[in-house]
Amino acid sequence: MNMYISKTQKGIKQFPLHKHNEFEIAFYPETTGELRTPEKNYPFEPGCTVIVPPGVLHGSATNTELNAIYLKGSFNLLFHLKTPVVLRDNRNNEARQLINLMYNN
């Protein structure tokens, strides 16, 4: 399986609508904003992870600088989603720790 991990460039406040052929998992360590789709907006806050299925038209927007770590790949055996899902980190910040380990390695 091919996976790609990246981080938002400095100074970006929004991404226009776009879609991918693979799943996108976005972790927002410090940003409050929303993932926008033509059908619905999905609010996120610091510590949230958003999972976007392949082929879903989406974009992100915030009033501050967008700070996110993105993981893209074929997770079809793991996820069976048709619409985006927003997950909040637990009180031990385990999602943050996992994403940071992946990004730094």
N, C-alpha and C. Protein backbone atom coordinates (compact mmCIF):
# COMPACT_ATOMS: atom_id res chain seq x y z
N MET A 1 0.84 -1.18 0.00
CA MET A 1 0.00 0.00 0.00
C MET A 1 0.89 1.24 0.00
N ASN A 2 0.57 2.17 -0.86
CA ASN A 2 1.27 3.46 -0.88
C ASN A 2 0.56 4.43 0.03
N MET A 3 1.34 5.11 0.87
CA MET A 3 0.81 6.15 1.74
C MET A 3 1.68 7.39 1.58
N TYR A 4 1.05 8.52 1.66
CA TYR A 4 1.74 9.79 1.58
C TYR A 4 1.37 10.62 2.79
N ILE A 5 2.35 11.26 3.39
CA ILE A 5 2.09 12.10 4.54
C ILE A 5 2.68 13.48 4.27
N SER A 6 1.93 14.51 4.60
CA SER A 6 2.39 15.88 4.34
C SER A 6 1.81 16.80 5.40
N LYS A 7 2.28 18.02 5.37
CA LYS A 7 1.83 19.03 6.33
C LYS A 7 1.44 20.28 5.54
N THR A 8 0.49 21.03 6.04
CA THR A 8 0.06 22.27 5.40
C THR A 8 1.20 23.27 5.36
N GLN A 9 1.34 23.96 4.24
CA GLN A 9 2.35 25.02 4.13
C GLN A 9 1.92 26.22 4.98
N LYS A 10 2.88 26.98 5.43
CA LYS A 10 2.61 28.18 6.24
C LYS A 10 1.80 29.20 5.44
N GLY A 11 0.91 29.90 6.13
CA GLY A 11 0.17 31.02 5.55
C GLY A 11 -1.12 30.65 4.84
N ILE A 12 -1.47 29.39 4.77
CA ILE A 12 -2.68 28.98 4.07
C ILE A 12 -3.87 29.05 5.03
N LYS A 13 -4.98 29.67 4.56
CA LYS A 13 -6.19 29.75 5.37
C LYS A 13 -7.29 28.83 4.85
N GLN A 14 -7.18 28.43 3.58
CA GLN A 14 -8.20 27.54 3.04
C GLN A 14 -7.69 26.77 1.84
N PHE A 15 -8.34 25.64 1.58
CA PHE A 15 -8.10 24.85 0.38
C PHE A 15 -9.39 24.87 -0.42
N PRO A 16 -9.32 25.10 -1.73
CA PRO A 16 -10.54 25.06 -2.55
C PRO A 16 -11.06 23.63 -2.66
N LEU A 17 -12.29 23.49 -3.13
CA LEU A 17 -12.88 22.17 -3.32
C LEU A 17 -12.03 21.33 -4.26
N HIS A 18 -11.80 20.09 -3.88
CA HIS A 18 -11.02 19.14 -4.68
C HIS A 18 -11.38 17.73 -4.22
N LYS A 19 -10.88 16.71 -4.91
CA LYS A 19 -11.12 15.34 -4.48
C LYS A 19 -9.89 14.49 -4.79
N HIS A 20 -9.84 13.31 -4.17
CA HIS A 20 -8.71 12.40 -4.31
C HIS A 20 -9.23 11.01 -4.72
N ASN A 21 -8.34 10.21 -5.25
CA ASN A 21 -8.66 8.82 -5.58
C ASN A 21 -8.44 7.88 -4.41
N GLU A 22 -7.92 8.41 -3.30
CA GLU A 22 -7.65 7.61 -2.12
C GLU A 22 -8.23 8.31 -0.89
N PHE A 23 -8.22 7.63 0.23
CA PHE A 23 -8.67 8.25 1.48
C PHE A 23 -7.70 9.34 1.89
N GLU A 24 -8.24 10.37 2.52
CA GLU A 24 -7.42 11.42 3.12
C GLU A 24 -7.79 11.48 4.60
N ILE A 25 -6.78 11.37 5.46
CA ILE A 25 -6.96 11.50 6.90
C ILE A 25 -6.24 12.78 7.30
N ALA A 26 -6.98 13.75 7.80
CA ALA A 26 -6.41 15.04 8.19
C ALA A 26 -6.49 15.20 9.69
N PHE A 27 -5.36 15.49 10.32
CA PHE A 27 -5.32 15.77 11.75
C PHE A 27 -5.04 17.24 11.94
N TYR A 28 -5.86 17.91 12.74
CA TYR A 28 -5.74 19.35 12.99
C TYR A 28 -5.26 19.57 14.42
N PRO A 29 -3.96 19.74 14.64
CA PRO A 29 -3.44 19.87 16.02
C PRO A 29 -3.80 21.18 16.70
N GLU A 30 -3.97 22.26 15.93
CA GLU A 30 -4.17 23.58 16.55
C GLU A 30 -5.25 24.42 15.91
N THR A 31 -5.91 23.91 14.88
CA THR A 31 -6.78 24.74 14.06
C THR A 31 -8.26 24.46 14.32
N THR A 32 -9.04 25.55 14.36
CA THR A 32 -10.50 25.45 14.38
C THR A 32 -10.99 25.92 13.01
N GLY A 33 -11.88 25.16 12.42
CA GLY A 33 -12.40 25.52 11.10
C GLY A 33 -13.45 24.53 10.68
N GLU A 34 -13.56 24.33 9.35
CA GLU A 34 -14.52 23.35 8.87
C GLU A 34 -14.06 22.74 7.56
N LEU A 35 -14.38 21.47 7.41
CA LEU A 35 -14.21 20.78 6.14
C LEU A 35 -15.51 21.03 5.39
N ARG A 36 -15.41 21.54 4.18
CA ARG A 36 -16.59 21.89 3.41
C ARG A 36 -16.80 20.89 2.27
N THR A 37 -18.04 20.48 2.10
CA THR A 37 -18.44 19.68 0.95
C THR A 37 -19.66 20.36 0.36
N PRO A 38 -20.05 20.04 -0.87
CA PRO A 38 -21.26 20.65 -1.43
C PRO A 38 -22.52 20.31 -0.62
N GLU A 39 -22.52 19.16 0.06
CA GLU A 39 -23.71 18.73 0.80
C GLU A 39 -23.75 19.22 2.24
N LYS A 40 -22.58 19.32 2.89
CA LYS A 40 -22.56 19.60 4.32
C LYS A 40 -21.19 20.12 4.72
N ASN A 41 -21.14 20.94 5.78
CA ASN A 41 -19.88 21.37 6.38
C ASN A 41 -19.65 20.58 7.67
N TYR A 42 -18.38 20.21 7.89
CA TYR A 42 -18.00 19.41 9.05
C TYR A 42 -17.04 20.21 9.92
N PRO A 43 -17.52 20.79 11.03
CA PRO A 43 -16.64 21.59 11.89
C PRO A 43 -15.57 20.72 12.55
N PHE A 44 -14.37 21.29 12.69
CA PHE A 44 -13.31 20.63 13.43
C PHE A 44 -12.65 21.63 14.36
N GLU A 45 -11.98 21.11 15.37
CA GLU A 45 -11.30 21.93 16.38
C GLU A 45 -9.96 21.28 16.67
N PRO A 46 -9.10 21.95 17.45
CA PRO A 46 -7.80 21.34 17.76
C PRO A 46 -7.95 19.93 18.32
N GLY A 47 -7.17 19.02 17.78
CA GLY A 47 -7.20 17.63 18.20
C GLY A 47 -8.12 16.75 17.40
N CYS A 48 -8.81 17.31 16.40
CA CYS A 48 -9.73 16.52 15.59
C CYS A 48 -9.01 15.85 14.42
N THR A 49 -9.53 14.69 14.06
CA THR A 49 -9.11 13.98 12.86
C THR A 49 -10.33 13.88 11.96
N VAL A 50 -10.14 14.20 10.67
CA VAL A 50 -11.22 14.11 9.70
C VAL A 50 -10.82 13.07 8.66
N ILE A 51 -11.69 12.10 8.42
CA ILE A 51 -11.45 11.08 7.41
C ILE A 51 -12.36 11.37 6.23
N VAL A 52 -11.75 11.56 5.05
CA VAL A 52 -12.50 11.88 3.83
C VAL A 52 -12.36 10.70 2.86
N PRO A 53 -13.48 10.07 2.47
CA PRO A 53 -13.43 8.95 1.54
C PRO A 53 -13.00 9.39 0.13
N PRO A 54 -12.52 8.43 -0.67
CA PRO A 54 -12.15 8.74 -2.06
C PRO A 54 -13.34 9.30 -2.84
N GLY A 55 -13.05 10.25 -3.72
CA GLY A 55 -14.06 10.79 -4.61
C GLY A 55 -14.96 11.85 -4.01
N VAL A 56 -14.81 12.16 -2.73
CA VAL A 56 -15.67 13.17 -2.09
C VAL A 56 -15.07 14.56 -2.33
N LEU A 57 -15.84 15.43 -2.95
CA LEU A 57 -15.43 16.81 -3.20
C LEU A 57 -15.40 17.53 -1.86
N HIS A 58 -14.24 18.12 -1.51
CA HIS A 58 -14.09 18.76 -0.19
C HIS A 58 -13.03 19.85 -0.24
N GLY A 59 -13.08 20.71 0.76
CA GLY A 59 -12.09 21.77 0.96
C GLY A 59 -12.09 22.13 2.43
N SER A 60 -11.10 22.87 2.88
CA SER A 60 -11.00 23.27 4.28
C SER A 60 -10.93 24.78 4.38
N ALA A 61 -11.46 25.31 5.46
CA ALA A 61 -11.41 26.76 5.67
C ALA A 61 -11.31 27.06 7.16
N THR A 62 -10.58 28.14 7.46
CA THR A 62 -10.42 28.60 8.83
C THR A 62 -10.22 30.11 8.80
N ASN A 63 -10.44 30.78 9.92
CA ASN A 63 -10.18 32.21 10.01
C ASN A 63 -8.73 32.50 10.37
N THR A 64 -8.02 31.47 10.80
CA THR A 64 -6.61 31.62 11.17
C THR A 64 -5.79 30.81 10.17
N GLU A 65 -4.57 30.55 10.48
CA GLU A 65 -3.73 29.73 9.60
C GLU A 65 -4.12 28.27 9.73
N LEU A 66 -4.28 27.61 8.59
CA LEU A 66 -4.62 26.19 8.57
C LEU A 66 -3.38 25.39 8.91
N ASN A 67 -3.49 24.58 9.95
CA ASN A 67 -2.38 23.75 10.40
C ASN A 67 -2.88 22.31 10.44
N ALA A 68 -2.41 21.49 9.51
CA ALA A 68 -2.90 20.11 9.44
C ALA A 68 -1.79 19.18 8.97
N ILE A 69 -1.90 17.94 9.38
CA ILE A 69 -1.05 16.86 8.89
C ILE A 69 -1.98 15.92 8.14
N TYR A 70 -1.59 15.59 6.90
CA TYR A 70 -2.43 14.78 6.02
C TYR A 70 -1.78 13.44 5.74
N LEU A 71 -2.58 12.40 5.80
CA LEU A 71 -2.15 11.06 5.43
C LEU A 71 -3.10 10.60 4.33
N LYS A 72 -2.54 10.26 3.17
CA LYS A 72 -3.36 9.79 2.05
C LYS A 72 -2.92 8.39 1.69
N GLY A 73 -3.91 7.54 1.38
CA GLY A 73 -3.58 6.18 1.01
C GLY A 73 -4.82 5.35 0.77
N SER A 74 -4.61 4.11 0.40
CA SER A 74 -5.70 3.17 0.15
C SER A 74 -6.04 2.45 1.45
N PHE A 75 -7.08 2.91 2.09
CA PHE A 75 -7.52 2.32 3.35
C PHE A 75 -8.86 1.62 3.17
N ASN A 76 -9.12 1.12 1.97
CA ASN A 76 -10.42 0.52 1.66
C ASN A 76 -10.74 -0.69 2.51
N LEU A 77 -9.74 -1.42 2.97
CA LEU A 77 -10.00 -2.58 3.82
C LEU A 77 -10.28 -2.18 5.27
N LEU A 78 -9.88 -0.97 5.64
CA LEU A 78 -10.05 -0.49 7.00
C LEU A 78 -11.32 0.34 7.16
N PHE A 79 -11.58 1.22 6.20
CA PHE A 79 -12.73 2.12 6.27
C PHE A 79 -13.74 1.78 5.19
N HIS A 80 -15.01 1.87 5.53
CA HIS A 80 -16.10 1.67 4.57
C HIS A 80 -17.03 2.87 4.69
N LEU A 81 -16.51 4.03 4.34
CA LEU A 81 -17.24 5.29 4.51
C LEU A 81 -17.67 5.84 3.16
N LYS A 82 -18.79 6.52 3.16
CA LYS A 82 -19.27 7.22 1.95
C LYS A 82 -19.23 8.73 2.13
N THR A 83 -19.20 9.18 3.40
CA THR A 83 -19.15 10.61 3.70
C THR A 83 -18.05 10.85 4.74
N PRO A 84 -17.57 12.09 4.86
CA PRO A 84 -16.53 12.38 5.85
C PRO A 84 -16.99 12.10 7.28
N VAL A 85 -16.00 11.84 8.13
CA VAL A 85 -16.23 11.58 9.55
C VAL A 85 -15.25 12.43 10.35
N VAL A 86 -15.73 13.08 11.41
CA VAL A 86 -14.89 13.87 12.30
C VAL A 86 -14.75 13.12 13.62
N LEU A 87 -13.51 12.88 14.03
CA LEU A 87 -13.22 12.20 15.28
C LEU A 87 -12.46 13.14 16.21
N ARG A 88 -12.79 13.11 17.47
CA ARG A 88 -12.08 13.94 18.45
C ARG A 88 -11.09 13.07 19.22
N ASP A 89 -9.95 13.65 19.52
CA ASP A 89 -8.90 12.93 20.25
C ASP A 89 -9.38 12.64 21.66
N ASN A 90 -8.80 11.63 22.29
CA ASN A 90 -9.15 11.34 23.67
C ASN A 90 -8.35 12.23 24.62
N ARG A 91 -8.62 12.13 25.90
CA ARG A 91 -7.96 13.04 26.85
C ARG A 91 -6.47 12.76 27.00
N ASN A 92 -6.00 11.61 26.55
CA ASN A 92 -4.56 11.31 26.57
C ASN A 92 -3.85 11.75 25.29
N ASN A 93 -4.58 12.37 24.38
CA ASN A 93 -4.03 12.86 23.10
C ASN A 93 -3.33 11.77 22.30
N GLU A 94 -3.90 10.59 22.28
CA GLU A 94 -3.27 9.47 21.58
C GLU A 94 -3.27 9.65 20.06
N ALA A 95 -4.31 10.26 19.49
CA ALA A 95 -4.31 10.52 18.04
C ALA A 95 -3.18 11.49 17.69
N ARG A 96 -3.02 12.52 18.49
CA ARG A 96 -1.94 13.50 18.25
C ARG A 96 -0.57 12.80 18.30
N GLN A 97 -0.38 11.94 19.28
CA GLN A 97 0.89 11.23 19.41
C GLN A 97 1.14 10.32 18.21
N LEU A 98 0.11 9.60 17.79
CA LEU A 98 0.25 8.70 16.65
C LEU A 98 0.57 9.46 15.37
N ILE A 99 -0.15 10.53 15.09
CA ILE A 99 0.08 11.31 13.87
C ILE A 99 1.47 11.92 13.91
N ASN A 100 1.89 12.46 15.03
CA ASN A 100 3.23 13.05 15.13
C ASN A 100 4.32 12.00 14.92
N LEU A 101 4.14 10.80 15.46
CA LEU A 101 5.11 9.72 15.23
C LEU A 101 5.20 9.38 13.74
N MET A 102 4.05 9.28 13.10
CA MET A 102 4.03 8.96 11.67
C MET A 102 4.70 10.06 10.86
N TYR A 103 4.36 11.31 11.16
CA TYR A 103 4.93 12.42 10.40
C TYR A 103 6.44 12.54 10.61
N ASN A 104 6.91 12.36 11.82
CA ASN A 104 8.33 12.52 12.13
C ASN A 104 9.17 11.32 11.71
N ASN A 105 8.56 10.23 11.36
CA ASN A 105 9.30 9.06 10.92
C ASN A 105 9.08 8.80 9.46
